[in-house]
Amino acid sequence: MASRRIKLYFVAVIAALTTAITAYAASCPTELLHGYAASLENVYKEKQVVADDDLRKILGGDLTQIEFRVRSKKASSIYNKLERKVTNGNIEALTEKQAHDMIRDGIGLRLVLKEPTQPSDKSIRELTSSIIEKLIPRIENGSIQVTKYHNYHGPNAEPYLDTRQFSTLLQAISKAPKPIDLSVKRGSAYKESGYTGFHLNIILPSGISAELQIRGEIIDRLAEVEHLYYDNRMQKQISNNDDSELNKFLTTLANLTSSQREELNSYLANWYAYARQLELANQSFSSTHHPPPRLPDDISPTLSIENAAAIQHLKL
């Protein structure tokens, strides 16, 4: 009888603790999310090497024309994403496993395709094709699971996957042991900003979730520079470190009229189309005969892409 009372007592205590923890999670989501974010940052850091190794094994062969980059999401970025999802989803309590499942790009893998410099080198198109050809059978047999895909491109810019390649990818996804709903997982492919790149959210053979990006080195350099404009559009906090040139850039950007912002966005989109043309090594298109897009006359030179590159000490 005494043992039964003790058992009931512990059941009551556990129930009370569970209620208290749930109430705490609901009343103090900020502290909880910060804790999860810090924990997940460490998890992703530890998995970077394994994810990179997974991808190298999948691609195999001669990889001299491909630059591999891997990064893990920082706690601040993880927190911001969790906060948006919790707020938008009206979630009052969240477990760490649920938080982990919400972040599909905790590890980012980027394949930067290098320009051909030798007669035997592959073109950017050929490099893209060879990567897709190696991914397809892995997707079909389920060793790589695709959870989301985006064949991003802007106005007048050619996407990395052409119609045939994209169709082959969709067929492979539909044949996978765990196919995704193709109607809802595509996301937006057309980007008004002009951004051009191929993105896949995948689960690697090791079970690690990652975002894989494929883009050529010319687009990659431009995207790194253009991120300053993107962060401003997305109202992200930009650390200026008392940099007078950066402050001037941000102030000028903030003072644009709505029509000037539209002009600036069009100018940036034209830069992506221009960079993609250069990247594809179109014989009828070269920087010698085709100068880069010109900044509209009514916008300060402070906001030119060349100046943004100089401020960030980046190369276009």
C-alpha atoms as a PDB file:
ATOM      1  CA  MET A   1       0.000   0.000   0.000  1.00  0.00           C
ATOM      2  CA  ALA A   2       2.827   2.365   0.951  1.00  0.00           C
ATOM      3  CA  SER A   3       4.670   1.627  -2.298  1.00  0.00           C
ATOM      4  CA  ARG A   4       1.507   2.448  -4.257  1.00  0.00           C
ATOM      5  CA  ARG A   5       1.181   5.793  -2.446  1.00  0.00           C
ATOM      6  CA  ILE A   6       4.824   6.568  -3.201  1.00  0.00           C
ATOM      7  CA  LYS A   7       4.284   5.687  -6.868  1.00  0.00           C
ATOM      8  CA  LEU A   8       1.225   7.937  -7.056  1.00  0.00           C
ATOM      9  CA  TYR A   9       3.176  10.718  -5.342  1.00  0.00           C
ATOM     10  CA  PHE A  10       5.952  10.563  -7.963  1.00  0.00           C
ATOM     11  CA  VAL A  11       3.404  10.485 -10.791  1.00  0.00           C
ATOM     12  CA  ALA A  12       1.832  13.642  -9.353  1.00  0.00           C
ATOM     13  CA  VAL A  13       5.243  15.320  -8.993  1.00  0.00           C
ATOM     14  CA  ILE A  14       6.203  14.491 -12.586  1.00  0.00           C
ATOM     15  CA  ALA A  15       2.853  15.789 -13.847  1.00  0.00           C
ATOM     16  CA  ALA A  16       3.327  19.023 -11.896  1.00  0.00           C
ATOM     17  CA  LEU A  17       6.855  19.480 -13.244  1.00  0.00           C
ATOM     18  CA  THR A  18       5.659  18.862 -16.801  1.00  0.00           C
ATOM     19  CA  THR A  19       2.934  21.490 -16.369  1.00  0.00           C
ATOM     20  CA  ALA A  20       5.443  23.948 -14.904  1.00  0.00           C
ATOM     21  CA  ILE A  21       7.924  23.405 -17.740  1.00  0.00           C
ATOM     22  CA  THR A  22       5.196  23.865 -20.362  1.00  0.00           C
ATOM     23  CA  ALA A  23       4.024  27.040 -18.641  1.00  0.00           C
ATOM     24  CA  TYR A  24       7.598  28.299 -18.488  1.00  0.00           C
ATOM     25  CA  ALA A  25       8.108  27.593 -22.186  1.00  0.00           C
ATOM     26  CA  ALA A  26       4.927  29.490 -23.013  1.00  0.00           C
ATOM     27  CA  SER A  27       5.668  32.426 -20.741  1.00  0.00           C
ATOM     28  CA  CYS A  28       9.399  32.737 -21.493  1.00  0.00           C
ATOM     29  CA  PRO A  29       9.815  31.784 -25.184  1.00  0.00           C
ATOM     30  CA  THR A  30      12.740  34.163 -25.676  1.00  0.00           C
ATOM     31  CA  GLU A  31      14.975  32.468 -23.101  1.00  0.00           C
ATOM     32  CA  LEU A  32      13.925  29.042 -24.346  1.00  0.00           C
ATOM     33  CA  LEU A  33      14.610  29.866 -27.992  1.00  0.00           C
ATOM     34  CA  HIS A  34      18.002  31.409 -27.165  1.00  0.00           C
ATOM     35  CA  GLY A  35      18.913  28.208 -25.331  1.00  0.00           C
ATOM     36  CA  TYR A  36      17.853  26.024 -28.241  1.00  0.00           C
ATOM     37  CA  ALA A  37      19.701  28.269 -30.703  1.00  0.00           C
ATOM     38  CA  ALA A  38      22.955  28.058 -28.733  1.00  0.00           C
ATOM     39  CA  SER A  39      22.633  24.282 -28.453  1.00  0.00           C
ATOM     40  CA  LEU A  40      21.848  23.824 -32.156  1.00  0.00           C
ATOM     41  CA  GLU A  41      24.769  26.034 -33.174  1.00  0.00           C
ATOM     42  CA  ASN A  42      27.120  23.546 -31.473  1.00  0.00           C
ATOM     43  CA  VAL A  43      25.322  20.581 -33.082  1.00  0.00           C
ATOM     44  CA  TYR A  44      25.718  22.068 -36.566  1.00  0.00           C
ATOM     45  CA  LYS A  45      29.377  22.975 -35.975  1.00  0.00           C
ATOM     46  CA  GLU A  46      30.153  19.368 -35.082  1.00  0.00           C
ATOM     47  CA  LYS A  47      28.392  18.031 -38.199  1.00  0.00           C
ATOM     48  CA  GLN A  48      30.082  20.310 -40.763  1.00  0.00           C
ATOM     49  CA  VAL A  49      32.972  17.991 -41.565  1.00  0.00           C
ATOM     50  CA  VAL A  50      30.724  14.924 -41.922  1.00  0.00           C
ATOM     51  CA  ALA A  51      28.358  16.811 -44.270  1.00  0.00           C
ATOM     52  CA  ASP A  52      31.259  18.045 -46.406  1.00  0.00           C
ATOM     53  CA  ASP A  53      32.710  14.511 -46.575  1.00  0.00           C
ATOM     54  CA  ASP A  54      29.294  13.098 -47.552  1.00  0.00           C
ATOM     55  CA  LEU A  55      29.011  15.467 -50.510  1.00  0.00           C
ATOM     56  CA  ARG A  56      32.572  14.871 -51.717  1.00  0.00           C
ATOM     57  CA  LYS A  57      31.969  11.112 -51.748  1.00  0.00           C
ATOM     58  CA  ILE A  58      28.744  11.562 -53.720  1.00  0.00           C
ATOM     59  CA  LEU A  59      30.400  13.720 -56.390  1.00  0.00           C
ATOM     60  CA  GLY A  60      33.712  11.843 -56.524  1.00  0.00           C
ATOM     61  CA  GLY A  61      36.037  12.099 -59.518  1.00  0.00           C
ATOM     62  CA  ASP A  62      38.008  15.204 -60.472  1.00  0.00           C
ATOM     63  CA  LEU A  63      36.781  18.088 -58.335  1.00  0.00           C
ATOM     64  CA  THR A  64      39.498  20.638 -59.178  1.00  0.00           C
ATOM     65  CA  GLN A  65      36.992  22.952 -60.886  1.00  0.00           C
ATOM     66  CA  ILE A  66      34.631  22.940 -57.918  1.00  0.00           C
ATOM     67  CA  GLU A  67      35.237  24.913 -54.746  1.00  0.00           C
ATOM     68  CA  PHE A  68      33.572  23.299 -51.732  1.00  0.00           C
ATOM     69  CA  ARG A  69      32.349  25.587 -48.976  1.00  0.00           C
ATOM     70  CA  VAL A  70      30.613  24.556 -45.790  1.00  0.00           C
ATOM     71  CA  ARG A  71      29.195  26.706 -43.024  1.00  0.00           C
ATOM     72  CA  SER A  72      27.037  26.157 -39.980  1.00  0.00           C
ATOM     73  CA  LYS A  73      24.283  28.547 -38.934  1.00  0.00           C
ATOM     74  CA  LYS A  74      25.099  30.929 -36.082  1.00  0.00           C
ATOM     75  CA  ALA A  75      23.001  31.025 -32.919  1.00  0.00           C
ATOM     76  CA  SER A  76      21.672  34.513 -33.727  1.00  0.00           C
ATOM     77  CA  SER A  77      20.449  33.370 -37.153  1.00  0.00           C
ATOM     78  CA  ILE A  78      18.938  30.184 -35.710  1.00  0.00           C
ATOM     79  CA  TYR A  79      17.130  32.212 -33.032  1.00  0.00           C
ATOM     80  CA  ASN A  80      15.679  34.634 -35.595  1.00  0.00           C
ATOM     81  CA  LYS A  81      14.375  31.777 -37.734  1.00  0.00           C
ATOM     82  CA  LEU A  82      12.875  29.938 -34.749  1.00  0.00           C
ATOM     83  CA  GLU A  83      11.241  33.131 -33.510  1.00  0.00           C
ATOM     84  CA  ARG A  84       9.603  33.735 -36.918  1.00  0.00           C
ATOM     85  CA  LYS A  85       8.323  30.165 -37.126  1.00  0.00           C
ATOM     86  CA  VAL A  86       7.035  30.165 -33.531  1.00  0.00           C
ATOM     87  CA  THR A  87       5.304  33.532 -34.008  1.00  0.00           C
ATOM     88  CA  ASN A  88       3.811  32.672 -37.401  1.00  0.00           C
ATOM     89  CA  GLY A  89       2.722  29.238 -36.225  1.00  0.00           C
ATOM     90  CA  ASN A  90       1.224  30.444 -32.928  1.00  0.00           C
ATOM     91  CA  ILE A  91       3.368  27.888 -31.071  1.00  0.00           C
ATOM     92  CA  GLU A  92       3.305  28.243 -27.283  1.00  0.00           C
ATOM     93  CA  ALA A  93       5.658  25.415 -26.308  1.00  0.00           C
ATOM     94  CA  LEU A  94       8.529  23.910 -28.254  1.00  0.00           C
ATOM     95  CA  THR A  95      10.853  20.970 -27.632  1.00  0.00           C
ATOM     96  CA  GLU A  96      14.477  21.000 -28.766  1.00  0.00           C
ATOM     97  CA  LYS A  97      13.750  18.215 -31.280  1.00  0.00           C
ATOM     98  CA  GLN A  98      10.942  20.315 -32.784  1.00  0.00           C
ATOM     99  CA  ALA A  99      13.331  23.281 -32.964  1.00  0.00           C
ATOM    100  CA  HIS A 100      15.905  21.089 -34.717  1.00  0.00           C
ATOM    101  CA  ASP A 101      13.316  19.894 -37.249  1.00  0.00           C
ATOM    102  CA  MET A 102      12.363  23.501 -38.032  1.00  0.00           C
ATOM    103  CA  ILE A 103      15.886  24.368 -39.199  1.00  0.00           C
ATOM    104  CA  ARG A 104      16.594  22.650 -42.500  1.00  0.00           C
ATOM    105  CA  ASP A 105      19.570  24.820 -43.439  1.00  0.00           C
ATOM    106  CA  GLY A 106      21.589  24.569 -40.223  1.00  0.00           C
ATOM    107  CA  ILE A 107      24.439  23.414 -42.420  1.00  0.00           C
ATOM    108  CA  GLY A 108      25.048  25.122 -45.734  1.00  0.00           C
ATOM    109  CA  LEU A 109      27.007  23.435 -48.511  1.00  0.00           C
ATOM    110  CA  ARG A 110      27.978  25.536 -51.498  1.00  0.00           C
ATOM    111  CA  LEU A 111      29.529  24.351 -54.729  1.00  0.00           C
ATOM    112  CA  VAL A 112      31.202  27.253 -56.507  1.00  0.00           C
ATOM    113  CA  LEU A 113      31.887  26.349 -60.140  1.00  0.00           C
ATOM    114  CA  LYS A 114      35.193  27.758 -61.373  1.00  0.00           C
ATOM    115  CA  GLU A 115      35.646  29.352 -64.757  1.00  0.00           C
ATOM    116  CA  PRO A 116      37.510  27.218 -67.324  1.00  0.00           C
ATOM    117  CA  THR A 117      41.149  28.287 -67.718  1.00  0.00           C
ATOM    118  CA  GLN A 118      42.523  25.302 -69.655  1.00  0.00           C
ATOM    119  CA  PRO A 119      41.319  23.791 -72.968  1.00  0.00           C
ATOM    120  CA  SER A 120      40.454  20.567 -71.128  1.00  0.00           C
ATOM    121  CA  ASP A 121      38.367  22.361 -68.470  1.00  0.00           C
ATOM    122  CA  LYS A 122      34.604  22.027 -68.427  1.00  0.00           C
ATOM    123  CA  SER A 123      32.291  24.976 -69.018  1.00  0.00           C
ATOM    124  CA  ILE A 124      29.932  26.126 -66.256  1.00  0.00           C
ATOM    125  CA  ARG A 125      27.056  24.385 -68.073  1.00  0.00           C
ATOM    126  CA  GLU A 126      29.023  21.129 -68.270  1.00  0.00           C
ATOM    127  CA  LEU A 127      30.004  21.310 -64.607  1.00  0.00           C
ATOM    128  CA  THR A 128      26.366  21.855 -63.616  1.00  0.00           C
ATOM    129  CA  SER A 129      25.274  18.873 -65.733  1.00  0.00           C
ATOM    130  CA  SER A 130      27.918  16.569 -64.241  1.00  0.00           C
ATOM    131  CA  ILE A 131      26.846  17.469 -60.669  1.00  0.00           C
ATOM    132  CA  ILE A 132      23.155  16.892 -61.401  1.00  0.00           C
ATOM    133  CA  GLU A 133      23.936  13.582 -63.129  1.00  0.00           C
ATOM    134  CA  LYS A 134      25.696  12.370 -59.963  1.00  0.00           C
ATOM    135  CA  LEU A 135      22.900  13.521 -57.663  1.00  0.00           C
ATOM    136  CA  ILE A 136      20.021  11.970 -59.671  1.00  0.00           C
ATOM    137  CA  PRO A 137      20.665   8.230 -58.913  1.00  0.00           C
ATOM    138  CA  ARG A 138      21.235   9.048 -55.208  1.00  0.00           C
ATOM    139  CA  ILE A 139      17.906  10.872 -55.084  1.00  0.00           C
ATOM    140  CA  GLU A 140      16.105   8.029 -56.874  1.00  0.00           C
ATOM    141  CA  ASN A 141      17.428   5.339 -54.505  1.00  0.00           C
ATOM    142  CA  GLY A 142      16.749   7.456 -51.424  1.00  0.00           C
ATOM    143  CA  SER A 143      20.328   7.812 -50.161  1.00  0.00           C
ATOM    144  CA  ILE A 144      19.760  11.558 -50.594  1.00  0.00           C
ATOM    145  CA  GLN A 145      16.336  12.881 -49.637  1.00  0.00           C
ATOM    146  CA  VAL A 146      15.178  16.152 -51.172  1.00  0.00           C
ATOM    147  CA  THR A 147      12.879  18.207 -48.952  1.00  0.00           C
ATOM    148  CA  LYS A 148      12.797  21.446 -50.956  1.00  0.00           C
ATOM    149  CA  TYR A 149      14.217  22.852 -54.187  1.00  0.00           C
ATOM    150  CA  HIS A 150      14.594  26.243 -55.893  1.00  0.00           C
ATOM    151  CA  ASN A 151      15.907  26.876 -59.404  1.00  0.00           C
ATOM    152  CA  TYR A 152      16.276  30.611 -58.806  1.00  0.00           C
ATOM    153  CA  HIS A 153      16.750  33.107 -61.622  1.00  0.00           C
ATOM    154  CA  GLY A 154      15.997  36.744 -62.246  1.00  0.00           C
ATOM    155  CA  PRO A 155      14.677  38.722 -65.223  1.00  0.00           C
ATOM    156  CA  ASN A 156      16.553  37.841 -68.437  1.00  0.00           C
ATOM    157  CA  ALA A 157      18.892  35.459 -66.586  1.00  0.00           C
ATOM    158  CA  GLU A 158      19.298  31.798 -67.480  1.00  0.00           C
ATOM    159  CA  PRO A 159      18.762  29.459 -64.493  1.00  0.00           C
ATOM    160  CA  TYR A 160      21.439  26.902 -63.637  1.00  0.00           C
ATOM    161  CA  LEU A 161      19.179  23.951 -64.479  1.00  0.00           C
ATOM    162  CA  ASP A 162      17.654  24.043 -67.940  1.00  0.00           C
ATOM    163  CA  THR A 163      14.178  22.651 -68.656  1.00  0.00           C
ATOM    164  CA  ARG A 164      15.439  19.131 -69.386  1.00  0.00           C
ATOM    165  CA  GLN A 165      17.630  18.942 -66.256  1.00  0.00           C
ATOM    166  CA  PHE A 166      14.867  20.313 -64.068  1.00  0.00           C
ATOM    167  CA  SER A 167      12.383  17.792 -65.457  1.00  0.00           C
ATOM    168  CA  THR A 168      14.869  14.959 -64.808  1.00  0.00           C
ATOM    169  CA  LEU A 169      15.297  16.160 -61.228  1.00  0.00           C
ATOM    170  CA  LEU A 170      11.533  16.190 -60.639  1.00  0.00           C
ATOM    171  CA  GLN A 171      11.234  12.674 -62.045  1.00  0.00           C
ATOM    172  CA  ALA A 172      13.991  11.464 -59.712  1.00  0.00           C
ATOM    173  CA  ILE A 173      12.259  13.071 -56.720  1.00  0.00           C
ATOM    174  CA  SER A 174       8.943  11.424 -57.673  1.00  0.00           C
ATOM    175  CA  LYS A 175      10.647   7.989 -57.877  1.00  0.00           C
ATOM    176  CA  ALA A 176      12.300   8.327 -54.445  1.00  0.00           C
ATOM    177  CA  PRO A 177      11.204   5.963 -51.641  1.00  0.00           C
ATOM    178  CA  LYS A 178       9.978   9.006 -49.706  1.00  0.00           C
ATOM    179  CA  PRO A 179       8.810  11.432 -52.427  1.00  0.00           C
ATOM    180  CA  ILE A 180       7.845  14.967 -51.467  1.00  0.00           C
ATOM    181  CA  ASP A 181       4.772  16.857 -52.604  1.00  0.00           C
ATOM    182  CA  LEU A 182       6.160  18.558 -55.705  1.00  0.00           C
ATOM    183  CA  SER A 183       3.307  21.058 -55.780  1.00  0.00           C
ATOM    184  CA  VAL A 184       4.199  22.682 -52.461  1.00  0.00           C
ATOM    185  CA  LYS A 185       7.938  22.209 -52.049  1.00  0.00           C
ATOM    186  CA  ARG A 186       9.193  24.058 -55.078  1.00  0.00           C
ATOM    187  CA  GLY A 187       9.103  27.541 -53.654  1.00  0.00           C
ATOM    188  CA  SER A 188       9.517  30.572 -55.869  1.00  0.00           C
ATOM    189  CA  ALA A 189      11.992  30.151 -58.731  1.00  0.00           C
ATOM    190  CA  TYR A 190      11.673  33.669 -60.170  1.00  0.00           C
ATOM    191  CA  LYS A 191      13.455  36.360 -58.165  1.00  0.00           C
ATOM    192  CA  GLU A 192      12.707  40.029 -58.817  1.00  0.00           C
ATOM    193  CA  SER A 193      16.052  40.818 -57.168  1.00  0.00           C
ATOM    194  CA  GLY A 194      17.779  38.971 -60.020  1.00  0.00           C
ATOM    195  CA  TYR A 195      19.437  36.422 -57.744  1.00  0.00           C
ATOM    196  CA  THR A 196      20.381  33.331 -59.724  1.00  0.00           C
ATOM    197  CA  GLY A 197      21.381  30.013 -58.147  1.00  0.00           C
ATOM    198  CA  PHE A 198      20.234  26.445 -57.631  1.00  0.00           C
ATOM    199  CA  HIS A 199      19.298  25.442 -54.058  1.00  0.00           C
ATOM    200  CA  LEU A 200      18.365  22.005 -52.691  1.00  0.00           C
ATOM    201  CA  ASN A 201      17.355  21.245 -49.113  1.00  0.00           C
ATOM    202  CA  ILE A 202      18.506  17.675 -48.602  1.00  0.00           C
ATOM    203  CA  ILE A 203      19.062  14.950 -46.033  1.00  0.00           C
ATOM    204  CA  LEU A 204      22.488  13.422 -46.689  1.00  0.00           C
ATOM    205  CA  PRO A 205      23.365   9.695 -46.402  1.00  0.00           C
ATOM    206  CA  SER A 206      24.646  10.382 -42.866  1.00  0.00           C
ATOM    207  CA  GLY A 207      21.191  11.693 -41.903  1.00  0.00           C
ATOM    208  CA  ILE A 208      22.348  15.317 -41.711  1.00  0.00           C
ATOM    209  CA  SER A 209      19.969  17.982 -43.059  1.00  0.00           C
ATOM    210  CA  ALA A 210      21.665  20.646 -45.171  1.00  0.00           C
ATOM    211  CA  GLU A 211      21.057  23.231 -47.840  1.00  0.00           C
ATOM    212  CA  LEU A 212      23.081  22.682 -51.013  1.00  0.00           C
ATOM    213  CA  GLN A 213      23.729  25.679 -53.259  1.00  0.00           C
ATOM    214  CA  ILE A 214      25.213  25.586 -56.741  1.00  0.00           C
ATOM    215  CA  ARG A 215      26.425  28.741 -58.462  1.00  0.00           C
ATOM    216  CA  GLY A 216      29.307  29.876 -60.675  1.00  0.00           C
ATOM    217  CA  GLU A 217      32.128  31.968 -59.300  1.00  0.00           C
ATOM    218  CA  ILE A 218      31.086  35.181 -61.102  1.00  0.00           C
ATOM    219  CA  ILE A 219      27.535  34.980 -59.720  1.00  0.00           C
ATOM    220  CA  ASP A 220      28.982  33.949 -56.357  1.00  0.00           C
ATOM    221  CA  ARG A 221      31.154  37.076 -56.138  1.00  0.00           C
ATOM    222  CA  LEU A 222      28.239  39.294 -57.158  1.00  0.00           C
ATOM    223  CA  ALA A 223      25.884  37.634 -54.636  1.00  0.00           C
ATOM    224  CA  GLU A 224      28.398  38.208 -51.831  1.00  0.00           C
ATOM    225  CA  VAL A 225      28.546  41.914 -52.704  1.00  0.00           C
ATOM    226  CA  GLU A 226      24.773  42.231 -53.262  1.00  0.00           C
ATOM    227  CA  HIS A 227      24.048  40.717 -49.841  1.00  0.00           C
ATOM    228  CA  LEU A 228      24.482  44.192 -48.359  1.00  0.00           C
ATOM    229  CA  TYR A 229      21.442  45.418 -50.313  1.00  0.00           C
ATOM    230  CA  TYR A 230      19.575  42.198 -49.476  1.00  0.00           C
ATOM    231  CA  ASP A 231      20.189  42.539 -45.729  1.00  0.00           C
ATOM    232  CA  ASN A 232      18.885  46.090 -45.907  1.00  0.00           C
ATOM    233  CA  ARG A 233      15.742  44.976 -47.799  1.00  0.00           C
ATOM    234  CA  MET A 234      15.124  42.261 -45.223  1.00  0.00           C
ATOM    235  CA  GLN A 235      15.663  44.815 -42.420  1.00  0.00           C
ATOM    236  CA  LYS A 236      18.487  42.766 -40.922  1.00  0.00           C
ATOM    237  CA  GLN A 237      20.829  44.432 -38.485  1.00  0.00           C
ATOM    238  CA  ILE A 238      24.027  45.476 -40.270  1.00  0.00           C
ATOM    239  CA  SER A 239      27.090  46.050 -38.114  1.00  0.00           C
ATOM    240  CA  ASN A 240      28.826  49.212 -39.318  1.00  0.00           C
ATOM    241  CA  ASN A 241      31.781  49.196 -36.858  1.00  0.00           C
ATOM    242  CA  ASP A 242      31.892  53.005 -37.164  1.00  0.00           C
ATOM    243  CA  ASP A 243      32.772  52.648 -40.852  1.00  0.00           C
ATOM    244  CA  SER A 244      32.051  56.068 -42.365  1.00  0.00           C
ATOM    245  CA  GLU A 245      31.714  54.744 -45.939  1.00  0.00           C
ATOM    246  CA  LEU A 246      29.299  52.023 -44.884  1.00  0.00           C
ATOM    247  CA  ASN A 247      27.290  54.533 -42.827  1.00  0.00           C
ATOM    248  CA  LYS A 248      27.105  56.818 -45.857  1.00  0.00           C
ATOM    249  CA  PHE A 249      25.949  53.872 -48.011  1.00  0.00           C
ATOM    250  CA  LEU A 250      23.205  52.860 -45.547  1.00  0.00           C
ATOM    251  CA  THR A 251      22.033  56.454 -45.035  1.00  0.00           C
ATOM    252  CA  THR A 252      21.820  57.043 -48.786  1.00  0.00           C
ATOM    253  CA  LEU A 253      19.923  53.787 -49.190  1.00  0.00           C
ATOM    254  CA  ALA A 254      17.470  54.738 -46.440  1.00  0.00           C
ATOM    255  CA  ASN A 255      16.727  58.088 -48.097  1.00  0.00           C
ATOM    256  CA  LEU A 256      15.729  56.676 -51.502  1.00  0.00           C
ATOM    257  CA  THR A 257      12.245  57.388 -52.766  1.00  0.00           C
ATOM    258  CA  SER A 258      10.029  54.432 -53.685  1.00  0.00           C
ATOM    259  CA  SER A 259      10.628  55.031 -57.407  1.00  0.00           C
ATOM    260  CA  GLN A 260      14.400  55.195 -56.850  1.00  0.00           C
ATOM    261  CA  ARG A 261      14.244  51.901 -54.942  1.00  0.00           C
ATOM    262  CA  GLU A 262      12.520  50.303 -57.915  1.00  0.00           C
ATOM    263  CA  GLU A 263      15.221  51.662 -60.207  1.00  0.00           C
ATOM    264  CA  LEU A 264      17.958  50.371 -57.892  1.00  0.00           C
ATOM    265  CA  ASN A 265      16.370  46.913 -57.733  1.00  0.00           C
ATOM    266  CA  SER A 266      16.161  46.811 -61.528  1.00  0.00           C
ATOM    267  CA  TYR A 267      19.818  47.852 -61.741  1.00  0.00           C
ATOM    268  CA  LEU A 268      20.835  45.004 -59.388  1.00  0.00           C
ATOM    269  CA  ALA A 269      18.733  42.490 -61.345  1.00  0.00           C
ATOM    270  CA  ASN A 270      20.474  43.635 -64.546  1.00  0.00           C
ATOM    271  CA  TRP A 271      23.811  42.989 -62.843  1.00  0.00           C
ATOM    272  CA  TYR A 272      22.817  39.374 -62.172  1.00  0.00           C
ATOM    273  CA  ALA A 273      21.767  38.889 -65.802  1.00  0.00           C
ATOM    274  CA  TYR A 274      25.063  40.464 -66.933  1.00  0.00           C
ATOM    275  CA  ALA A 275      27.131  38.266 -64.584  1.00  0.00           C
ATOM    276  CA  ARG A 276      25.319  35.145 -65.767  1.00  0.00           C
ATOM    277  CA  GLN A 277      26.051  36.028 -69.389  1.00  0.00           C
ATOM    278  CA  LEU A 278      29.754  36.411 -68.578  1.00  0.00           C
ATOM    279  CA  GLU A 279      29.688  33.144 -66.663  1.00  0.00           C
ATOM    280  CA  LEU A 280      28.235  31.195 -69.563  1.00  0.00           C
ATOM    281  CA  ALA A 281      31.142  32.334 -71.732  1.00  0.00           C
ATOM    282  CA  ASN A 282      28.797  33.379 -74.516  1.00  0.00           C
ATOM    283  CA  GLN A 283      31.105  34.063 -77.469  1.00  0.00           C
ATOM    284  CA  SER A 284      28.992  37.023 -78.571  1.00  0.00           C
ATOM    285  CA  PHE A 285      29.050  38.494 -75.073  1.00  0.00           C
ATOM    286  CA  SER A 286      32.141  39.752 -73.266  1.00  0.00           C
ATOM    287  CA  SER A 287      32.949  42.472 -70.755  1.00  0.00           C
ATOM    288  CA  THR A 288      35.144  44.092 -73.420  1.00  0.00           C
ATOM    289  CA  HIS A 289      32.256  44.662 -75.827  1.00  0.00           C
ATOM    290  CA  HIS A 290      29.451  44.856 -73.255  1.00  0.00           C
ATOM    291  CA  PRO A 291      30.075  47.206 -70.318  1.00  0.00           C
ATOM    292  CA  PRO A 292      28.362  46.404 -66.997  1.00  0.00           C
ATOM    293  CA  PRO A 293      24.927  47.841 -66.183  1.00  0.00           C
ATOM    294  CA  ARG A 294      24.902  51.559 -65.532  1.00  0.00           C
ATOM    295  CA  LEU A 295      23.520  53.027 -62.310  1.00  0.00           C
ATOM    296  CA  PRO A 296      20.468  55.248 -63.009  1.00  0.00           C
ATOM    297  CA  ASP A 297      21.383  58.941 -63.188  1.00  0.00           C
ATOM    298  CA  ASP A 298      19.109  59.971 -60.316  1.00  0.00           C
ATOM    299  CA  ILE A 299      20.758  57.549 -57.848  1.00  0.00           C
ATOM    300  CA  SER A 300      23.936  58.486 -55.992  1.00  0.00           C
ATOM    301  CA  PRO A 301      27.159  56.716 -57.107  1.00  0.00           C
ATOM    302  CA  THR A 302      27.489  55.758 -53.434  1.00  0.00           C
ATOM    303  CA  LEU A 303      24.987  52.963 -54.158  1.00  0.00           C
ATOM    304  CA  SER A 304      26.771  51.481 -57.172  1.00  0.00           C
ATOM    305  CA  ILE A 305      27.620  47.792 -56.995  1.00  0.00           C
ATOM    306  CA  GLU A 306      31.288  48.691 -57.488  1.00  0.00           C
ATOM    307  CA  ASN A 307      31.194  50.934 -54.416  1.00  0.00           C
ATOM    308  CA  ALA A 308      29.384  48.261 -52.384  1.00  0.00           C
ATOM    309  CA  ALA A 309      32.195  45.849 -53.288  1.00  0.00           C
ATOM    310  CA  ALA A 310      34.863  48.377 -52.253  1.00  0.00           C
ATOM    311  CA  ILE A 311      33.161  49.088 -48.911  1.00  0.00           C
ATOM    312  CA  GLN A 312      33.075  45.377 -48.085  1.00  0.00           C
ATOM    313  CA  HIS A 313      36.581  44.744 -49.450  1.00  0.00           C
ATOM    314  CA  LEU A 314      35.190  42.211 -51.903  1.00  0.00           C
ATOM    315  CA  LYS A 315      36.063  41.481 -55.509  1.00  0.00           C
ATOM    316  CA  LEU A 316      33.438  41.573 -58.241  1.00  0.00           C
END
